[in-house]
Amino acid sequence: MNYKIIENITSDNFILKMLSLGKPIETSLVGHFDEEGRGSRRDIDLPLHRDGDYSKEISSKHSIDWVGLYCIRGCGSAITIIEDGDSLTEINLKKGQAVIINNRICRHARKGKVGNRILLRVWIEDNHKQ
């Protein structure tokens, strides 16, 4: 699986699904909280990237293999874009939806207004790697 969009999942089941993929590295809320600083906390477009590209302290200690985004509160027009090879997928995450992204293979971006939307983001280091 390079990425998977999950409909109608509870936050508990989302967290359990993420934990089944490996060791949690970081959890955070992604929303419009700041006027400056980290892009994930601002109401700005984000270019295609892999999580860890801008978090050198964490990525130097851990491999961020999986990124999970769970929509706690939907609002705004923010679109999550997932690049998987030559393919681009766009999704406006709604409450109770989630996306799990293979951070080694796919890149993702955000465009549009975040508004009041809040996502739970989980970074996982794959402890099943060979």
N, C-alpha and C. Protein backbone atom coordinates (compact mmCIF):
# COMPACT_ATOMS: atom_id res chain seq x y z
N MET A 1 0.85 -1.19 0.00
CA MET A 1 0.00 0.00 0.00
C MET A 1 0.88 1.24 0.00
N ASN A 2 0.70 2.12 -0.96
CA ASN A 2 1.42 3.39 -0.98
C ASN A 2 0.65 4.47 -0.22
N TYR A 3 -0.69 4.44 -0.34
CA TYR A 3 -1.55 5.29 0.48
C TYR A 3 -2.94 4.66 0.49
N LYS A 4 -3.69 5.02 1.51
CA LYS A 4 -5.04 4.47 1.63
C LYS A 4 -5.92 5.54 2.26
N ILE A 5 -7.08 5.78 1.64
CA ILE A 5 -8.08 6.68 2.19
C ILE A 5 -9.11 5.81 2.91
N ILE A 6 -9.40 6.15 4.14
CA ILE A 6 -10.31 5.36 4.97
C ILE A 6 -11.53 6.21 5.31
N GLU A 7 -12.70 5.69 5.01
CA GLU A 7 -13.96 6.37 5.30
C GLU A 7 -14.51 5.90 6.65
N ASN A 8 -15.19 6.78 7.34
CA ASN A 8 -15.94 6.44 8.55
C ASN A 8 -15.16 5.59 9.54
N ILE A 9 -14.05 6.11 10.02
CA ILE A 9 -13.25 5.41 11.01
C ILE A 9 -13.26 6.25 12.29
N THR A 10 -13.27 5.59 13.42
CA THR A 10 -13.20 6.32 14.68
C THR A 10 -11.74 6.68 14.97
N SER A 11 -11.54 7.65 15.82
CA SER A 11 -10.17 8.03 16.18
C SER A 11 -9.45 6.87 16.86
N ASP A 12 -10.16 6.11 17.71
CA ASP A 12 -9.55 4.94 18.35
C ASP A 12 -9.06 3.93 17.32
N ASN A 13 -9.91 3.61 16.35
CA ASN A 13 -9.52 2.63 15.33
C ASN A 13 -8.42 3.16 14.43
N PHE A 14 -8.43 4.47 14.16
CA PHE A 14 -7.35 5.07 13.38
C PHE A 14 -6.01 4.91 14.12
N ILE A 15 -5.99 5.23 15.39
CA ILE A 15 -4.75 5.12 16.18
C ILE A 15 -4.28 3.67 16.23
N LEU A 16 -5.19 2.73 16.44
CA LEU A 16 -4.81 1.31 16.46
C LEU A 16 -4.25 0.87 15.11
N LYS A 17 -4.85 1.35 14.03
CA LYS A 17 -4.37 1.01 12.68
C LYS A 17 -2.95 1.56 12.49
N MET A 18 -2.71 2.78 12.93
CA MET A 18 -1.38 3.37 12.80
C MET A 18 -0.36 2.59 13.64
N LEU A 19 -0.73 2.23 14.85
CA LEU A 19 0.19 1.48 15.73
C LEU A 19 0.53 0.11 15.16
N SER A 20 -0.37 -0.45 14.36
CA SER A 20 -0.09 -1.76 13.75
C SER A 20 1.01 -1.66 12.69
N LEU A 21 1.32 -0.43 12.24
CA LEU A 21 2.33 -0.23 11.21
C LEU A 21 3.74 -0.09 11.77
N GLY A 22 3.86 0.17 13.08
CA GLY A 22 5.19 0.32 13.65
C GLY A 22 5.17 1.17 14.90
N LYS A 23 6.31 1.79 15.16
CA LYS A 23 6.55 2.56 16.38
C LYS A 23 6.18 4.04 16.16
N PRO A 24 5.35 4.61 17.04
CA PRO A 24 5.01 6.03 16.88
C PRO A 24 6.21 6.92 17.19
N ILE A 25 6.43 7.90 16.32
CA ILE A 25 7.54 8.84 16.46
C ILE A 25 7.03 10.17 17.01
N GLU A 26 5.90 10.62 16.46
CA GLU A 26 5.33 11.89 16.89
C GLU A 26 3.85 11.92 16.56
N THR A 27 3.08 12.54 17.42
CA THR A 27 1.69 12.85 17.12
C THR A 27 1.52 14.35 17.30
N SER A 28 0.67 14.93 16.48
CA SER A 28 0.44 16.36 16.58
C SER A 28 -0.91 16.72 15.97
N LEU A 29 -1.38 17.90 16.33
CA LEU A 29 -2.58 18.44 15.71
C LEU A 29 -2.16 19.37 14.58
N VAL A 30 -2.83 19.23 13.46
CA VAL A 30 -2.55 20.05 12.29
C VAL A 30 -3.78 20.91 12.03
N GLY A 31 -3.57 22.20 12.12
CA GLY A 31 -4.66 23.14 11.90
C GLY A 31 -4.11 24.54 11.74
N HIS A 32 -4.99 25.51 11.76
CA HIS A 32 -4.58 26.92 11.64
C HIS A 32 -4.44 27.47 13.04
N PHE A 33 -3.23 27.34 13.60
CA PHE A 33 -2.96 27.76 14.97
C PHE A 33 -2.01 28.94 15.05
N ASP A 34 -1.15 29.13 14.06
CA ASP A 34 -0.10 30.13 14.14
C ASP A 34 -0.12 31.03 12.91
N GLU A 35 0.43 32.21 13.06
CA GLU A 35 0.59 33.14 11.94
C GLU A 35 1.96 33.00 11.29
N GLU A 36 2.92 32.40 12.00
CA GLU A 36 4.25 32.17 11.45
C GLU A 36 4.80 30.89 12.06
N GLY A 37 5.88 30.37 11.49
CA GLY A 37 6.48 29.14 11.99
C GLY A 37 6.16 27.97 11.08
N ARG A 38 6.06 26.77 11.68
CA ARG A 38 5.86 25.54 10.91
C ARG A 38 4.63 25.64 10.00
N GLY A 39 4.82 25.21 8.77
CA GLY A 39 3.75 25.30 7.78
C GLY A 39 2.50 24.53 8.13
N SER A 40 2.65 23.39 8.82
CA SER A 40 1.49 22.57 9.13
C SER A 40 0.55 23.27 10.10
N ARG A 41 1.03 24.29 10.80
CA ARG A 41 0.22 24.99 11.79
C ARG A 41 -0.32 26.33 11.27
N ARG A 42 -0.14 26.56 9.96
CA ARG A 42 -0.56 27.83 9.38
C ARG A 42 -1.56 27.61 8.25
N ASP A 43 -2.29 28.65 7.93
CA ASP A 43 -3.30 28.58 6.87
C ASP A 43 -2.66 28.97 5.54
N ILE A 44 -1.73 28.13 5.08
CA ILE A 44 -1.01 28.39 3.83
C ILE A 44 -0.97 27.11 3.00
N ASP A 45 -0.76 27.27 1.71
CA ASP A 45 -0.51 26.11 0.85
C ASP A 45 0.84 25.51 1.21
N LEU A 46 0.95 24.20 1.13
CA LEU A 46 2.22 23.51 1.35
C LEU A 46 2.58 22.77 0.07
N PRO A 47 3.81 22.90 -0.42
CA PRO A 47 4.21 22.19 -1.64
C PRO A 47 4.35 20.69 -1.39
N LEU A 48 4.46 19.94 -2.47
CA LEU A 48 4.70 18.50 -2.32
C LEU A 48 5.95 18.26 -1.50
N HIS A 49 5.85 17.38 -0.52
CA HIS A 49 6.96 17.10 0.39
C HIS A 49 6.74 15.74 1.04
N ARG A 50 7.77 15.28 1.72
CA ARG A 50 7.67 14.12 2.61
C ARG A 50 7.79 14.65 4.03
N ASP A 51 6.97 14.14 4.95
CA ASP A 51 7.11 14.58 6.33
C ASP A 51 8.51 14.22 6.80
N GLY A 52 9.12 15.14 7.51
CA GLY A 52 10.51 15.01 7.93
C GLY A 52 11.43 15.92 7.14
N ASP A 53 10.98 16.35 5.93
CA ASP A 53 11.80 17.27 5.13
C ASP A 53 12.12 18.54 5.90
N TYR A 54 11.18 19.01 6.71
CA TYR A 54 11.35 20.26 7.44
C TYR A 54 11.57 20.02 8.93
N SER A 55 11.68 18.79 9.34
CA SER A 55 11.85 18.43 10.75
C SER A 55 13.15 17.64 10.90
N LYS A 56 14.24 18.29 10.62
CA LYS A 56 15.54 17.62 10.56
C LYS A 56 15.92 16.95 11.88
N GLU A 57 15.54 17.54 13.02
CA GLU A 57 15.89 16.94 14.31
C GLU A 57 15.25 15.56 14.46
N ILE A 58 13.98 15.44 14.09
CA ILE A 58 13.30 14.15 14.20
C ILE A 58 13.79 13.19 13.12
N SER A 59 13.88 13.67 11.87
CA SER A 59 14.26 12.77 10.78
C SER A 59 15.71 12.31 10.87
N SER A 60 16.55 13.02 11.63
CA SER A 60 17.93 12.56 11.80
C SER A 60 18.01 11.40 12.79
N LYS A 61 17.01 11.26 13.65
CA LYS A 61 16.99 10.20 14.66
C LYS A 61 16.10 9.02 14.27
N HIS A 62 15.10 9.28 13.43
CA HIS A 62 14.10 8.26 13.09
C HIS A 62 13.78 8.32 11.60
N SER A 63 13.31 7.20 11.10
CA SER A 63 12.78 7.15 9.75
C SER A 63 11.27 7.33 9.85
N ILE A 64 10.76 8.37 9.21
CA ILE A 64 9.31 8.59 9.19
C ILE A 64 8.78 7.83 7.98
N ASP A 65 8.34 6.60 8.23
CA ASP A 65 7.93 5.71 7.15
C ASP A 65 6.46 5.86 6.78
N TRP A 66 5.62 6.12 7.75
CA TRP A 66 4.17 6.24 7.53
C TRP A 66 3.68 7.54 8.14
N VAL A 67 2.80 8.21 7.42
CA VAL A 67 2.13 9.40 7.92
C VAL A 67 0.63 9.11 7.89
N GLY A 68 -0.01 9.31 9.03
CA GLY A 68 -1.45 9.16 9.10
C GLY A 68 -2.09 10.48 9.44
N LEU A 69 -3.15 10.83 8.72
CA LEU A 69 -3.91 12.04 8.97
C LEU A 69 -5.35 11.65 9.22
N TYR A 70 -5.88 12.03 10.39
CA TYR A 70 -7.26 11.73 10.75
C TYR A 70 -7.99 13.05 10.95
N CYS A 71 -9.14 13.22 10.32
CA CYS A 71 -9.88 14.46 10.40
C CYS A 71 -10.77 14.46 11.65
N ILE A 72 -10.39 15.31 12.60
CA ILE A 72 -11.16 15.49 13.83
C ILE A 72 -12.32 16.45 13.58
N ARG A 73 -12.02 17.54 12.87
CA ARG A 73 -13.04 18.52 12.54
C ARG A 73 -12.81 19.00 11.12
N GLY A 74 -13.80 18.78 10.30
CA GLY A 74 -13.71 19.22 8.91
C GLY A 74 -14.24 20.63 8.77
N CYS A 75 -13.70 21.37 7.90
CA CYS A 75 -14.12 22.74 7.56
C CYS A 75 -13.12 23.25 6.55
N GLY A 76 -13.41 24.36 6.01
CA GLY A 76 -12.47 24.96 5.09
C GLY A 76 -12.44 24.22 3.76
N SER A 77 -11.63 24.71 2.88
CA SER A 77 -11.55 24.12 1.54
C SER A 77 -10.20 23.46 1.30
N ALA A 78 -9.45 23.20 2.37
CA ALA A 78 -8.11 22.63 2.22
C ALA A 78 -8.19 21.25 1.57
N ILE A 79 -7.38 21.06 0.56
CA ILE A 79 -7.29 19.80 -0.18
C ILE A 79 -5.94 19.18 0.13
N THR A 80 -5.95 17.90 0.48
CA THR A 80 -4.71 17.13 0.62
C THR A 80 -4.43 16.48 -0.73
N ILE A 81 -3.24 16.67 -1.22
CA ILE A 81 -2.81 16.12 -2.51
C ILE A 81 -1.78 15.05 -2.23
N ILE A 82 -1.96 13.89 -2.83
CA ILE A 82 -1.02 12.78 -2.66
C ILE A 82 -0.42 12.44 -4.02
N GLU A 83 0.91 12.47 -4.09
CA GLU A 83 1.63 12.11 -5.30
C GLU A 83 2.18 10.70 -5.12
N ASP A 84 1.72 9.79 -5.97
CA ASP A 84 2.16 8.39 -5.95
C ASP A 84 2.68 8.08 -7.35
N GLY A 85 3.98 8.21 -7.53
CA GLY A 85 4.56 8.05 -8.87
C GLY A 85 4.07 9.18 -9.76
N ASP A 86 3.45 8.83 -10.89
CA ASP A 86 2.96 9.83 -11.83
C ASP A 86 1.52 10.25 -11.53
N SER A 87 0.93 9.68 -10.49
CA SER A 87 -0.48 9.90 -10.18
C SER A 87 -0.64 10.91 -9.04
N LEU A 88 -1.62 11.82 -9.20
CA LEU A 88 -1.98 12.77 -8.14
C LEU A 88 -3.42 12.50 -7.72
N THR A 89 -3.65 12.41 -6.42
CA THR A 89 -4.99 12.25 -5.86
C THR A 89 -5.26 13.43 -4.95
N GLU A 90 -6.47 13.98 -5.05
CA GLU A 90 -6.87 15.09 -4.19
C GLU A 90 -8.04 14.65 -3.32
N ILE A 91 -7.99 15.03 -2.04
CA ILE A 91 -9.08 14.72 -1.13
C ILE A 91 -9.27 15.88 -0.16
N ASN A 92 -10.53 16.25 0.05
CA ASN A 92 -10.88 17.22 1.07
C ASN A 92 -11.36 16.39 2.26
N LEU A 93 -10.48 16.16 3.22
CA LEU A 93 -10.80 15.29 4.35
C LEU A 93 -11.95 15.85 5.17
N LYS A 94 -12.91 15.00 5.44
CA LYS A 94 -14.07 15.34 6.26
C LYS A 94 -13.97 14.61 7.59
N LYS A 95 -14.73 15.07 8.56
CA LYS A 95 -14.73 14.45 9.89
C LYS A 95 -14.95 12.94 9.76
N GLY A 96 -14.06 12.18 10.43
CA GLY A 96 -14.17 10.72 10.42
C GLY A 96 -13.45 10.04 9.27
N GLN A 97 -12.83 10.81 8.39
CA GLN A 97 -12.02 10.24 7.31
C GLN A 97 -10.56 10.28 7.72
N ALA A 98 -9.79 9.38 7.12
CA ALA A 98 -8.35 9.34 7.38
C ALA A 98 -7.63 8.99 6.09
N VAL A 99 -6.36 9.31 6.07
CA VAL A 99 -5.49 8.87 4.99
C VAL A 99 -4.19 8.41 5.63
N ILE A 100 -3.68 7.29 5.15
CA ILE A 100 -2.40 6.76 5.59
C ILE A 100 -1.49 6.74 4.37
N ILE A 101 -0.32 7.37 4.51
CA ILE A 101 0.59 7.57 3.37
C ILE A 101 1.93 6.92 3.65
N ASN A 102 2.43 6.16 2.69
CA ASN A 102 3.79 5.63 2.76
C ASN A 102 4.73 6.80 2.46
N ASN A 103 5.38 7.30 3.49
CA ASN A 103 6.20 8.51 3.38
C ASN A 103 7.52 8.26 2.63
N ARG A 104 7.90 7.01 2.43
CA ARG A 104 9.11 6.70 1.66
C ARG A 104 8.84 6.77 0.17
N ILE A 105 7.59 6.54 -0.23
CA ILE A 105 7.24 6.46 -1.65
C ILE A 105 6.48 7.69 -2.13
N CYS A 106 5.51 8.13 -1.35
CA CYS A 106 4.63 9.22 -1.76
C CYS A 106 5.06 10.56 -1.15
N ARG A 107 4.70 11.62 -1.86
CA ARG A 107 4.80 12.96 -1.30
C ARG A 107 3.37 13.48 -1.16
N HIS A 108 3.20 14.48 -0.32
CA HIS A 108 1.87 15.07 -0.19
C HIS A 108 1.98 16.58 -0.06
N ALA A 109 0.87 17.25 -0.31
CA ALA A 109 0.82 18.71 -0.28
C ALA A 109 -0.55 19.13 0.24
N ARG A 110 -0.69 20.44 0.43
CA ARG A 110 -1.98 20.99 0.84
C ARG A 110 -2.20 22.29 0.08
N LYS A 111 -3.43 22.46 -0.40
CA LYS A 111 -3.79 23.73 -1.03
C LYS A 111 -5.18 24.12 -0.54
N GLY A 112 -5.42 25.42 -0.51
CA GLY A 112 -6.72 25.94 -0.08
C GLY A 112 -6.71 26.35 1.38
N LYS A 113 -7.80 26.92 1.81
CA LYS A 113 -7.94 27.43 3.18
C LYS A 113 -8.16 26.30 4.17
N VAL A 114 -7.38 26.28 5.24
CA VAL A 114 -7.53 25.31 6.32
C VAL A 114 -8.77 25.65 7.14
N GLY A 115 -9.00 26.93 7.37
CA GLY A 115 -10.15 27.34 8.17
C GLY A 115 -10.09 26.72 9.56
N ASN A 116 -11.18 26.12 9.99
CA ASN A 116 -11.27 25.51 11.32
C ASN A 116 -10.95 24.02 11.33
N ARG A 117 -10.53 23.48 10.20
CA ARG A 117 -10.23 22.05 10.13
C ARG A 117 -9.10 21.68 11.08
N ILE A 118 -9.24 20.54 11.75
CA ILE A 118 -8.18 20.02 12.61
C ILE A 118 -7.96 18.55 12.28
N LEU A 119 -6.70 18.22 12.04
CA LEU A 119 -6.30 16.84 11.78
C LEU A 119 -5.41 16.34 12.91
N LEU A 120 -5.52 15.06 13.19
CA LEU A 120 -4.56 14.38 14.05
C LEU A 120 -3.54 13.75 13.11
N ARG A 121 -2.26 14.09 13.28
CA ARG A 121 -1.19 13.54 12.44
C ARG A 121 -0.34 12.61 13.29
N VAL A 122 -0.07 11.43 12.76
CA VAL A 122 0.76 10.44 13.45
C VAL A 122 1.89 10.04 12.51
N TRP A 123 3.13 10.11 13.03
CA TRP A 123 4.30 9.64 12.29
C TRP A 123 4.70 8.30 12.86
N ILE A 124 4.95 7.34 11.98
CA ILE A 124 5.30 5.98 12.38
C ILE A 124 6.62 5.58 11.75
N GLU A 125 7.49 4.96 12.57
CA GLU A 125 8.70 4.34 12.07
C GLU A 125 8.39 2.86 11.93
N ASP A 126 8.57 2.35 10.74
CA ASP A 126 8.23 0.95 10.44
C ASP A 126 9.22 0.01 11.10
N ASN A 127 8.78 -0.72 12.11
CA ASN A 127 9.67 -1.68 12.77
C ASN A 127 9.54 -3.06 12.13
N HIS A 128 8.83 -3.13 10.99
CA HIS A 128 8.71 -4.39 10.26
C HIS A 128 9.60 -4.40 9.03
N LYS A 129 10.42 -3.34 8.84
CA LYS A 129 11.29 -3.27 7.65
C LYS A 129 12.29 -4.42 7.66
N GLN A 130 12.63 -4.83 6.47
CA GLN A 130 13.62 -5.90 6.33
C GLN A 130 14.95 -5.34 5.93
